[in-house]
Amino acid sequence: MFGSIPRSLSGRLGLASCIVLPLILGLTALVLDQAFRSSLQTSTREQLRLQTFVLLGAAEVGGGELWMPPRLQEPRFTQPGSGLYGLITDAKGQNLWRSPSALGLRLSLPDSPSREPRFGRTESGRFYYSYPVVWETEDGRETDLRFTSLATPDAFDAELAGFRLHLWGGLGLVALLLLAAQAWLLRWGLRPLSRLASDIRAVEAGEQARLRGPYPPEVATVTENLNLLLNTEQRQRERYRNTLADLAHSLKTPLAVIRNLITPASDGTLAEQVDRMEQIISHQLGRAATTAPHALLQPVPVRDAAERVGRAMEKVYRERFKRFTVDGPSQMFRGDERDLMEMLGNLIDNAFKYGDGHVQVTLTEDDRELRIRVENGGAPIAEDVQSQLLQRGTRADNQQPGQGIGLSVVRDIVGSYRGQLEVDTGSLGGAAFTLVIPRH
């Protein structure tokens, strides 16, 4: 049931309006319809009551007989099929007189012992008003008579149908106008929220660094706190970076002094421990420097970053450098630029170091993930070694200098973005390392 409810505020308000507004207008229409019907019945009752009094005023009783003039004040009583009929009955319900307009019709009234005036509808649907009287004759006798006027419901039904047509048509038009006006009011009233969503998307896309205003008081507090959060997060990341850089710089000098004190005659244990300390420092600094991803980080162009690393490697490996290419459309990395540079630097450096000088970077992306593939033209890595390469300190080639922690650092950084590092054999024949980074 809840799955069909719109998630947006405008959708919820629009749905509520489409439900509540017709309900209110429908109830209003029913109340007005009943009120008009009651008023129309009252008007019909009064008209028939007056017609009954016309019959009562024209009647004469003499010599034990009822006499009615051939022409009455209301001409419809004398016109057959006019829709207005007169009837006079005695105490036993026997017809004493029928108006000429009732020629050929069967007029019957509901039985009732009541001696009060009655108004209602017969079984055939005609309206009637019945008025009982006690007529005193010239000789002093009393005779019970009942004067009744009847009318067909054609005029009543036509007037009621016309009213209902105008009522429902008018209320339907009012409903459409109200819905259109409410839609405009909702759009106008929720415009600050739409502007806020646009600003957040612009921050996510890297088009701006903070949320811009002005916003109404109901939203201003939220935007100010978001801007404060963005500024605080940026300053905190910078402070972490600076602290780590200071720590690395402070440790380099003591380690260099210790390494210079090592002589060829010294125990190899000291050199081994110094190397181990450098490994631990580099690895832990690499892990601590990673930044937890979030949508408000400004995206970084992957192609530009890879090309910068490639140009640097061309100078470092000038003797063995053959070719460096970046294929695929330009993609965006949603994270810290230094994290991306650290991962690309390690992978591209290893590709040149252990390859034949031909390195290719391929960029692909879909709705779920970004893939950065770095491969070289060297010898492939055996399958039993591929799984070990991602472990700290493990290297496929012990002839090259280094501590063997670069891939482990890359794995830790990409893991902080909920991604993974894959190892296989590339199209160039050598090792291929692929960074798989989820989009969300």
Protein backbone atom coordinates (compact mmCIF):
# COMPACT_ATOMS: atom_id res chain seq x y z
CA MET A 1 0.00 0.00 0.00
CA PHE A 2 2.75 2.46 0.94
CA GLY A 3 4.78 1.64 -2.15
CA SER A 4 2.31 3.54 -4.37
CA ILE A 5 2.57 6.77 -2.36
CA PRO A 6 4.77 9.35 -4.12
CA ARG A 7 8.03 10.15 -2.35
CA SER A 8 8.20 13.82 -3.39
CA LEU A 9 6.42 16.52 -1.39
CA SER A 10 4.70 17.91 -4.48
CA GLY A 11 3.52 14.42 -5.42
CA ARG A 12 2.16 13.75 -1.94
CA LEU A 13 0.37 17.11 -1.77
CA GLY A 14 -0.96 16.65 -5.30
CA LEU A 15 -2.26 13.18 -4.49
CA ALA A 16 -3.88 14.44 -1.28
CA SER A 17 -5.54 17.28 -3.21
CA CYS A 18 -6.86 14.90 -5.86
CA ILE A 19 -8.43 12.78 -3.11
CA VAL A 20 -9.62 15.38 -0.60
CA LEU A 21 -10.85 18.07 -2.99
CA PRO A 22 -13.25 15.83 -4.98
CA LEU A 23 -14.44 14.31 -1.71
CA ILE A 24 -15.27 17.74 -0.23
CA LEU A 25 -16.88 18.98 -3.45
CA GLY A 26 -18.84 15.72 -3.74
CA LEU A 27 -20.20 16.05 -0.21
CA THR A 28 -21.02 19.69 -0.93
CA ALA A 29 -22.88 18.66 -4.08
CA LEU A 30 -24.88 16.02 -2.17
CA VAL A 31 -25.87 18.53 0.50
CA LEU A 32 -26.90 21.12 -2.09
CA ASP A 33 -28.80 18.47 -4.07
CA GLN A 34 -30.76 17.38 -1.01
CA ALA A 35 -31.46 20.99 -0.05
CA PHE A 36 -32.71 21.84 -3.54
CA ARG A 37 -34.80 18.67 -3.70
CA SER A 38 -36.38 19.49 -0.34
CA SER A 39 -37.04 23.05 -1.45
CA LEU A 40 -38.55 21.83 -4.71
CA GLN A 41 -40.82 19.42 -2.85
CA THR A 42 -41.93 22.22 -0.53
CA SER A 43 -42.70 24.40 -3.54
CA THR A 44 -44.70 21.57 -5.16
CA ARG A 45 -46.59 21.02 -1.91
CA GLU A 46 -47.56 24.69 -1.70
CA GLN A 47 -48.70 24.75 -5.31
CA LEU A 48 -50.89 21.68 -4.83
CA ARG A 49 -52.24 23.09 -1.58
CA LEU A 50 -53.34 26.24 -3.41
CA GLN A 51 -54.94 24.16 -6.19
CA THR A 52 -56.77 22.12 -3.55
CA PHE A 53 -58.14 25.32 -2.04
CA VAL A 54 -59.34 26.28 -5.54
CA LEU A 55 -61.35 23.06 -5.64
CA LEU A 56 -62.62 23.64 -2.12
CA GLY A 57 -63.73 27.15 -2.96
CA ALA A 58 -65.59 26.05 -6.09
CA ALA A 59 -67.45 23.14 -4.50
CA GLU A 60 -71.09 23.36 -3.40
CA VAL A 61 -73.15 20.79 -1.56
CA GLY A 62 -76.91 20.96 -1.63
CA GLY A 63 -79.75 18.52 -1.47
CA GLY A 64 -77.34 15.82 -0.43
CA GLU A 65 -75.33 16.16 -3.65
CA LEU A 66 -71.96 17.64 -4.53
CA TRP A 67 -71.90 20.18 -7.30
CA MET A 68 -68.83 21.53 -9.14
CA PRO A 69 -68.92 24.22 -11.81
CA PRO A 70 -68.01 23.14 -15.36
CA ARG A 71 -65.16 25.63 -15.49
CA LEU A 72 -62.77 26.24 -12.63
CA GLN A 73 -60.45 29.08 -11.85
CA GLU A 74 -57.51 26.85 -12.77
CA PRO A 75 -58.01 25.97 -16.48
CA ARG A 76 -55.70 22.94 -16.33
CA PHE A 77 -58.37 21.08 -14.33
CA THR A 78 -60.54 21.07 -17.46
CA GLN A 79 -57.82 20.18 -19.99
CA PRO A 80 -57.27 16.43 -20.49
CA GLY A 81 -53.64 15.42 -20.11
CA SER A 82 -52.65 18.75 -18.57
CA GLY A 83 -50.83 17.01 -15.69
CA LEU A 84 -53.01 18.61 -12.98
CA TYR A 85 -55.96 16.61 -11.67
CA GLY A 86 -58.65 17.14 -9.06
CA LEU A 87 -60.42 14.51 -7.00
CA ILE A 88 -63.13 14.68 -4.34
CA THR A 89 -63.95 11.60 -2.26
CA ASP A 90 -66.26 10.82 0.65
CA ALA A 91 -65.43 9.30 4.02
CA LYS A 92 -65.41 5.79 2.50
CA GLY A 93 -62.99 6.77 -0.28
CA GLN A 94 -65.66 6.70 -2.99
CA ASN A 95 -65.09 9.17 -5.84
CA LEU A 96 -67.64 11.94 -5.84
CA TRP A 97 -66.01 14.08 -8.50
CA ARG A 98 -63.09 13.89 -10.94
CA SER A 99 -61.74 16.80 -12.91
CA PRO A 100 -62.15 16.63 -16.70
CA SER A 101 -58.34 16.60 -16.99
CA ALA A 102 -58.31 13.09 -15.44
CA LEU A 103 -60.39 11.67 -18.25
CA GLY A 104 -59.32 8.09 -18.94
CA LEU A 105 -56.87 7.98 -16.00
CA ARG A 106 -56.99 5.84 -12.89
CA LEU A 107 -56.39 7.99 -9.86
CA SER A 108 -55.81 6.28 -6.53
CA LEU A 109 -54.65 7.58 -3.16
CA PRO A 110 -52.90 5.78 -0.30
CA ASP A 111 -55.34 4.70 2.39
CA SER A 112 -55.04 6.73 5.57
CA PRO A 113 -57.45 7.26 8.47
CA SER A 114 -55.76 10.53 9.33
CA ARG A 115 -57.93 13.62 9.33
CA GLU A 116 -54.93 15.87 8.75
CA PRO A 117 -53.78 17.31 5.42
CA ARG A 118 -51.40 14.98 3.65
CA PHE A 119 -48.72 15.47 0.99
CA GLY A 120 -46.83 12.73 -0.78
CA ARG A 121 -46.55 10.59 -3.90
CA THR A 122 -48.85 7.92 -5.14
CA GLU A 123 -47.78 4.48 -6.31
CA SER A 124 -47.69 5.80 -9.89
CA GLY A 125 -45.31 8.59 -8.82
CA ARG A 126 -47.77 11.52 -8.93
CA PHE A 127 -47.59 14.19 -6.23
CA TYR A 128 -50.77 14.78 -4.28
CA TYR A 129 -52.08 17.09 -1.59
CA SER A 130 -55.16 15.89 0.26
CA TYR A 131 -57.23 18.16 2.50
CA PRO A 132 -60.08 16.66 4.59
CA VAL A 133 -63.11 18.80 5.51
CA VAL A 134 -66.39 18.28 7.40
CA TRP A 135 -69.12 19.82 5.26
CA GLU A 136 -72.31 20.88 6.99
CA THR A 137 -75.34 20.76 4.71
CA GLU A 138 -78.39 23.02 4.81
CA ASP A 139 -80.33 20.55 6.91
CA GLY A 140 -77.57 20.48 9.52
CA ARG A 141 -76.02 17.17 8.58
CA GLU A 142 -72.23 16.79 8.49
CA THR A 143 -70.51 15.09 5.60
CA ASP A 144 -66.85 14.06 5.51
CA LEU A 145 -65.22 15.05 2.24
CA ARG A 146 -61.61 14.96 1.05
CA PHE A 147 -60.40 17.39 -1.59
CA THR A 148 -57.23 16.28 -3.43
CA SER A 149 -55.03 17.83 -6.10
CA LEU A 150 -52.62 15.63 -8.04
CA ALA A 151 -49.78 16.54 -10.39
CA THR A 152 -47.42 14.58 -12.59
CA PRO A 153 -43.71 14.70 -11.55
CA ASP A 154 -42.52 15.78 -15.01
CA ALA A 155 -41.88 19.41 -14.09
CA PHE A 156 -40.35 18.38 -10.77
CA ASP A 157 -38.00 15.85 -12.38
CA ALA A 158 -37.03 18.21 -15.21
CA GLU A 159 -36.20 21.03 -12.82
CA LEU A 160 -34.26 18.70 -10.53
CA ALA A 161 -32.32 17.23 -13.48
CA GLY A 162 -31.46 20.71 -14.77
CA PHE A 163 -30.25 21.77 -11.34
CA ARG A 164 -28.11 18.65 -11.00
CA LEU A 165 -26.60 19.18 -14.42
CA HIS A 166 -25.59 22.73 -13.59
CA LEU A 167 -24.50 21.76 -10.08
CA TRP A 168 -22.20 18.90 -11.02
CA GLY A 169 -20.93 20.65 -14.12
CA GLY A 170 -20.17 23.82 -12.16
CA LEU A 171 -18.52 21.95 -9.30
CA GLY A 172 -16.48 19.90 -11.77
CA LEU A 173 -15.23 23.08 -13.42
CA VAL A 174 -14.49 24.57 -9.99
CA ALA A 175 -12.59 21.40 -9.06
CA LEU A 176 -10.42 21.64 -12.18
CA LEU A 177 -9.74 25.33 -11.55
CA LEU A 178 -8.89 24.65 -7.90
CA LEU A 179 -6.55 21.80 -8.83
CA ALA A 180 -4.82 23.98 -11.43
CA ALA A 181 -4.51 26.83 -8.94
CA GLN A 182 -3.24 24.49 -6.25
CA ALA A 183 -0.68 22.99 -8.64
CA TRP A 184 0.61 26.48 -9.37
CA LEU A 185 0.65 27.35 -5.67
CA LEU A 186 2.50 24.13 -4.84
CA ARG A 187 5.08 24.81 -7.52
CA TRP A 188 5.50 28.38 -6.32
CA GLY A 189 5.59 27.40 -2.65
CA LEU A 190 8.06 24.52 -3.15
CA ARG A 191 10.34 26.50 -5.46
CA PRO A 192 12.91 27.11 -2.67
CA LEU A 193 13.19 23.34 -2.15
CA SER A 194 13.69 22.85 -5.88
CA ARG A 195 16.38 25.51 -5.85
CA LEU A 196 18.01 23.78 -2.88
CA ALA A 197 18.00 20.45 -4.74
CA SER A 198 19.56 22.14 -7.78
CA ASP A 199 22.28 23.68 -5.60
CA ILE A 200 23.06 20.31 -4.02
CA ARG A 201 23.31 18.71 -7.46
CA ALA A 202 25.63 21.53 -8.53
CA VAL A 203 27.84 20.87 -5.48
CA GLU A 204 27.87 17.16 -6.26
CA ALA A 205 28.83 17.90 -9.87
CA GLY A 206 31.63 20.20 -8.74
CA GLU A 207 30.10 23.29 -10.33
CA GLN A 208 30.09 25.16 -7.00
CA ALA A 209 31.66 24.68 -3.59
CA ARG A 210 28.73 25.67 -1.37
CA LEU A 211 24.98 26.22 -1.37
CA ARG A 212 23.88 29.61 -2.59
CA GLY A 213 20.94 31.63 -1.34
CA PRO A 214 18.83 33.34 -0.52
CA TYR A 215 16.45 30.82 1.03
CA PRO A 216 13.28 31.35 3.11
CA PRO A 217 13.66 31.16 6.91
CA GLU A 218 12.21 27.62 7.00
CA VAL A 219 15.07 26.36 4.78
CA ALA A 220 17.84 28.82 5.62
CA THR A 221 18.83 26.97 8.80
CA VAL A 222 19.31 23.72 6.87
CA THR A 223 21.40 25.36 4.14
CA GLU A 224 23.56 27.21 6.66
CA ASN A 225 24.27 23.96 8.52
CA LEU A 226 25.08 22.18 5.26
CA ASN A 227 27.50 24.92 4.26
CA LEU A 228 29.07 24.78 7.70
CA LEU A 229 29.40 21.00 7.36
CA LEU A 230 31.07 21.34 3.95
CA ASN A 231 33.52 23.95 5.22
CA THR A 232 34.30 21.95 8.36
CA GLU A 233 34.85 18.74 6.41
CA GLN A 234 37.19 20.48 3.97
CA ARG A 235 39.20 22.12 6.75
CA GLN A 236 39.39 18.82 8.64
CA ARG A 237 40.70 16.97 5.60
CA GLU A 238 43.31 19.66 5.06
CA ARG A 239 44.32 19.47 8.70
CA TYR A 240 44.69 15.68 8.45
CA ARG A 241 46.77 16.03 5.32
CA ASN A 242 49.04 18.63 6.86
CA THR A 243 49.47 16.60 10.04
CA LEU A 244 50.36 13.48 8.08
CA ALA A 245 52.79 15.40 5.91
CA ASP A 246 54.47 16.85 8.99
CA LEU A 247 54.68 13.40 10.54
CA ALA A 248 56.22 11.90 7.43
CA HIS A 249 58.73 14.74 7.18
CA SER A 250 59.64 14.41 10.88
CA LEU A 251 60.28 10.66 10.57
CA LYS A 252 62.38 10.86 7.42
CA THR A 253 65.34 12.56 9.10
CA PRO A 254 65.78 10.11 12.04
CA LEU A 255 65.44 7.15 9.70
CA ALA A 256 67.99 8.63 7.30
CA VAL A 257 70.44 9.16 10.17
CA ILE A 258 69.98 5.59 11.36
CA ARG A 259 70.45 4.25 7.84
CA ASN A 260 73.70 6.24 7.42
CA LEU A 261 75.05 4.72 10.61
CA ILE A 262 74.69 1.25 9.17
CA THR A 263 78.00 -0.09 7.87
CA PRO A 264 78.66 -3.19 5.78
CA ALA A 265 80.00 -4.81 8.92
CA SER A 266 76.84 -4.13 10.90
CA ASP A 267 74.35 -6.80 11.75
CA GLY A 268 71.75 -7.12 8.97
CA THR A 269 69.05 -7.05 11.60
CA LEU A 270 69.35 -3.27 12.00
CA ALA A 271 68.95 -2.62 8.27
CA GLU A 272 66.04 -5.03 8.16
CA GLN A 273 64.30 -3.22 11.00
CA VAL A 274 64.88 0.18 9.38
CA ASP A 275 63.34 -1.15 6.16
CA ARG A 276 60.46 -2.53 8.17
CA MET A 277 59.89 0.84 9.86
CA GLU A 278 59.82 2.57 6.48
CA GLN A 279 57.30 0.02 5.24
CA ILE A 280 55.06 0.50 8.24
CA ILE A 281 55.24 4.31 8.06
CA SER A 282 54.53 4.41 4.32
CA HIS A 283 51.71 1.91 4.58
CA GLN A 284 49.98 3.53 7.56
CA LEU A 285 50.36 7.03 6.12
CA GLY A 286 48.84 5.80 2.88
CA ARG A 287 45.89 4.29 4.73
CA ALA A 288 45.32 7.29 6.98
CA ALA A 289 45.46 9.67 4.04
CA THR A 290 42.46 8.10 2.35
CA THR A 291 39.25 10.06 2.43
CA ALA A 292 35.85 8.54 3.08
CA PRO A 293 33.74 9.15 -0.02
CA HIS A 294 30.58 11.18 -0.03
CA ALA A 295 28.42 12.78 -2.70
CA LEU A 296 29.46 16.34 -1.92
CA LEU A 297 33.11 15.85 -2.88
CA GLN A 298 33.92 17.63 -6.13
CA PRO A 299 34.45 15.14 -8.99
CA VAL A 300 37.93 14.78 -10.48
CA PRO A 301 38.53 14.13 -14.23
CA VAL A 302 40.22 10.73 -14.41
CA ARG A 303 41.73 11.29 -17.86
CA ASP A 304 43.51 14.48 -16.81
CA ALA A 305 44.90 12.82 -13.68
CA ALA A 306 46.13 9.75 -15.62
CA GLU A 307 47.79 11.90 -18.29
CA ARG A 308 49.60 13.93 -15.63
CA VAL A 309 50.94 10.74 -14.05
CA GLY A 310 51.92 9.42 -17.48
CA ARG A 311 53.92 12.54 -18.33
CA ALA A 312 55.76 12.24 -15.02
CA MET A 313 56.55 8.56 -15.64
CA GLU A 314 57.90 9.42 -19.07
CA LYS A 315 60.62 11.44 -17.35
CA VAL A 316 61.27 8.86 -14.62
CA TYR A 317 61.52 5.91 -17.03
CA ARG A 318 63.06 7.76 -19.96
CA GLU A 319 65.25 4.83 -21.01
CA ARG A 320 62.50 2.20 -21.19
CA PHE A 321 59.51 4.44 -22.05
CA LYS A 322 57.84 3.50 -25.33
CA ARG A 323 54.22 4.53 -25.28
CA PHE A 324 51.55 5.69 -22.83
CA THR A 325 47.87 5.98 -23.84
CA VAL A 326 44.60 6.73 -22.12
CA ASP A 327 41.57 5.24 -23.90
CA GLY A 328 37.87 5.68 -23.29
CA PRO A 329 35.64 8.70 -22.66
CA SER A 330 36.55 11.13 -19.92
CA GLN A 331 35.11 9.93 -16.62
CA MET A 332 34.70 11.61 -13.25
CA PHE A 333 35.99 10.25 -9.94
CA ARG A 334 33.87 11.33 -6.98
CA GLY A 335 36.47 11.54 -4.25
CA ASP A 336 39.63 13.22 -3.14
CA GLU A 337 41.99 14.06 -5.99
CA ARG A 338 45.03 12.96 -3.96
CA ASP A 339 43.48 9.52 -3.44
CA LEU A 340 43.06 9.16 -7.19
CA MET A 341 46.61 10.37 -7.86
CA GLU A 342 47.97 7.92 -5.25
CA MET A 343 46.20 4.96 -6.84
CA LEU A 344 47.07 5.93 -10.42
CA GLY A 345 50.66 6.75 -9.43
CA ASN A 346 51.24 3.33 -7.87
CA LEU A 347 49.60 1.37 -10.68
CA ILE A 348 51.21 3.29 -13.56
CA ASP A 349 54.59 3.30 -11.82
CA ASN A 350 54.43 -0.49 -11.41
CA ALA A 351 53.33 -0.87 -15.04
CA PHE A 352 56.43 0.97 -16.28
CA LYS A 353 58.70 -0.60 -13.68
CA TYR A 354 57.76 -4.23 -14.46
CA GLY A 355 56.63 -3.88 -18.09
CA ASP A 356 58.28 -3.29 -21.45
CA GLY A 357 57.62 0.46 -21.52
CA HIS A 358 54.18 0.27 -23.14
CA VAL A 359 51.38 1.20 -20.72
CA GLN A 360 47.70 1.63 -21.50
CA VAL A 361 44.98 3.08 -19.28
CA THR A 362 41.37 2.27 -20.23
CA LEU A 363 38.38 4.11 -18.72
CA THR A 364 34.85 2.66 -18.73
CA GLU A 365 31.72 3.55 -16.77
CA ASP A 366 28.10 2.58 -16.37
CA ASP A 367 25.32 3.50 -13.95
CA ARG A 368 26.78 1.31 -11.21
CA GLU A 369 30.57 1.65 -11.30
CA LEU A 370 33.68 3.33 -12.67
CA ARG A 371 36.44 1.05 -13.98
CA ILE A 372 40.06 2.19 -14.44
CA ARG A 373 42.21 -0.47 -16.06
CA VAL A 374 46.04 -0.14 -16.17
CA GLU A 375 47.95 -2.73 -18.21
CA ASN A 376 51.45 -3.11 -19.61
CA GLY A 377 53.19 -5.04 -22.34
CA GLY A 378 55.48 -7.04 -20.09
CA ALA A 379 55.25 -10.63 -18.99
CA PRO A 380 51.96 -11.83 -17.50
CA ILE A 381 51.60 -12.64 -13.82
CA ALA A 382 51.01 -16.25 -12.90
CA GLU A 383 47.57 -16.99 -11.53
CA ASP A 384 48.92 -18.34 -8.25
CA VAL A 385 50.83 -15.07 -7.73
CA GLN A 386 47.97 -12.73 -8.64
CA SER A 387 46.11 -13.25 -5.35
CA GLN A 388 49.30 -12.72 -3.35
CA LEU A 389 50.20 -9.41 -5.00
CA LEU A 390 47.59 -7.48 -3.03
CA GLN A 391 49.08 -8.52 0.28
CA ARG A 392 51.38 -6.07 2.02
CA GLY A 393 55.07 -6.53 1.14
CA THR A 394 54.48 -9.10 -1.59
CA ARG A 395 56.18 -8.49 -4.96
CA ALA A 396 56.29 -10.44 -8.17
CA ASP A 397 59.78 -9.18 -9.03
CA ASN A 398 62.39 -8.85 -6.31
CA GLN A 399 64.97 -7.43 -8.69
CA GLN A 400 63.45 -3.96 -8.72
CA PRO A 401 63.84 -1.53 -5.80
CA GLY A 402 60.90 -0.83 -3.51
CA GLN A 403 59.15 -2.09 -0.44
CA GLY A 404 56.23 -3.91 -2.08
CA ILE A 405 53.47 -1.96 -0.34
CA GLY A 406 52.19 0.13 -3.28
CA LEU A 407 49.45 -2.31 -4.31
CA SER A 408 48.41 -2.77 -0.70
CA VAL A 409 48.00 0.99 -0.35
CA VAL A 410 45.97 1.06 -3.58
CA ARG A 411 43.77 -1.71 -2.25
CA ASP A 412 43.17 0.16 1.03
CA ILE A 413 42.31 3.41 -0.76
CA VAL A 414 39.89 1.83 -3.22
CA GLY A 415 38.40 -0.17 -0.34
CA SER A 416 37.60 3.08 1.46
CA TYR A 417 35.40 3.93 -1.55
CA ARG A 418 33.68 0.51 -1.27
CA GLY A 419 35.53 -0.62 -4.39
CA GLN A 420 38.05 -3.32 -5.18
CA LEU A 421 41.27 -3.96 -7.08
CA GLU A 422 41.31 -6.77 -9.63
CA VAL A 423 44.38 -8.46 -11.14
CA ASP A 424 44.49 -10.40 -14.41
CA THR A 425 46.29 -10.53 -17.77
CA GLY A 426 45.69 -7.62 -20.12
CA SER A 427 45.29 -7.31 -23.87
CA LEU A 428 48.94 -6.19 -24.20
CA GLY A 429 50.11 -9.50 -22.81
CA GLY A 430 51.30 -8.25 -19.44
CA ALA A 431 49.72 -7.66 -16.04
CA ALA A 432 46.46 -5.69 -15.83
CA PHE A 433 45.17 -4.02 -12.67
CA THR A 434 41.59 -2.74 -12.62
CA LEU A 435 40.13 -0.27 -10.12
CA VAL A 436 36.39 -0.94 -9.68
CA ILE A 437 34.72 2.00 -7.88
CA PRO A 438 30.95 1.96 -7.23
CA ARG A 439 28.97 5.03 -8.24
CA HIS A 440 26.75 5.04 -5.16
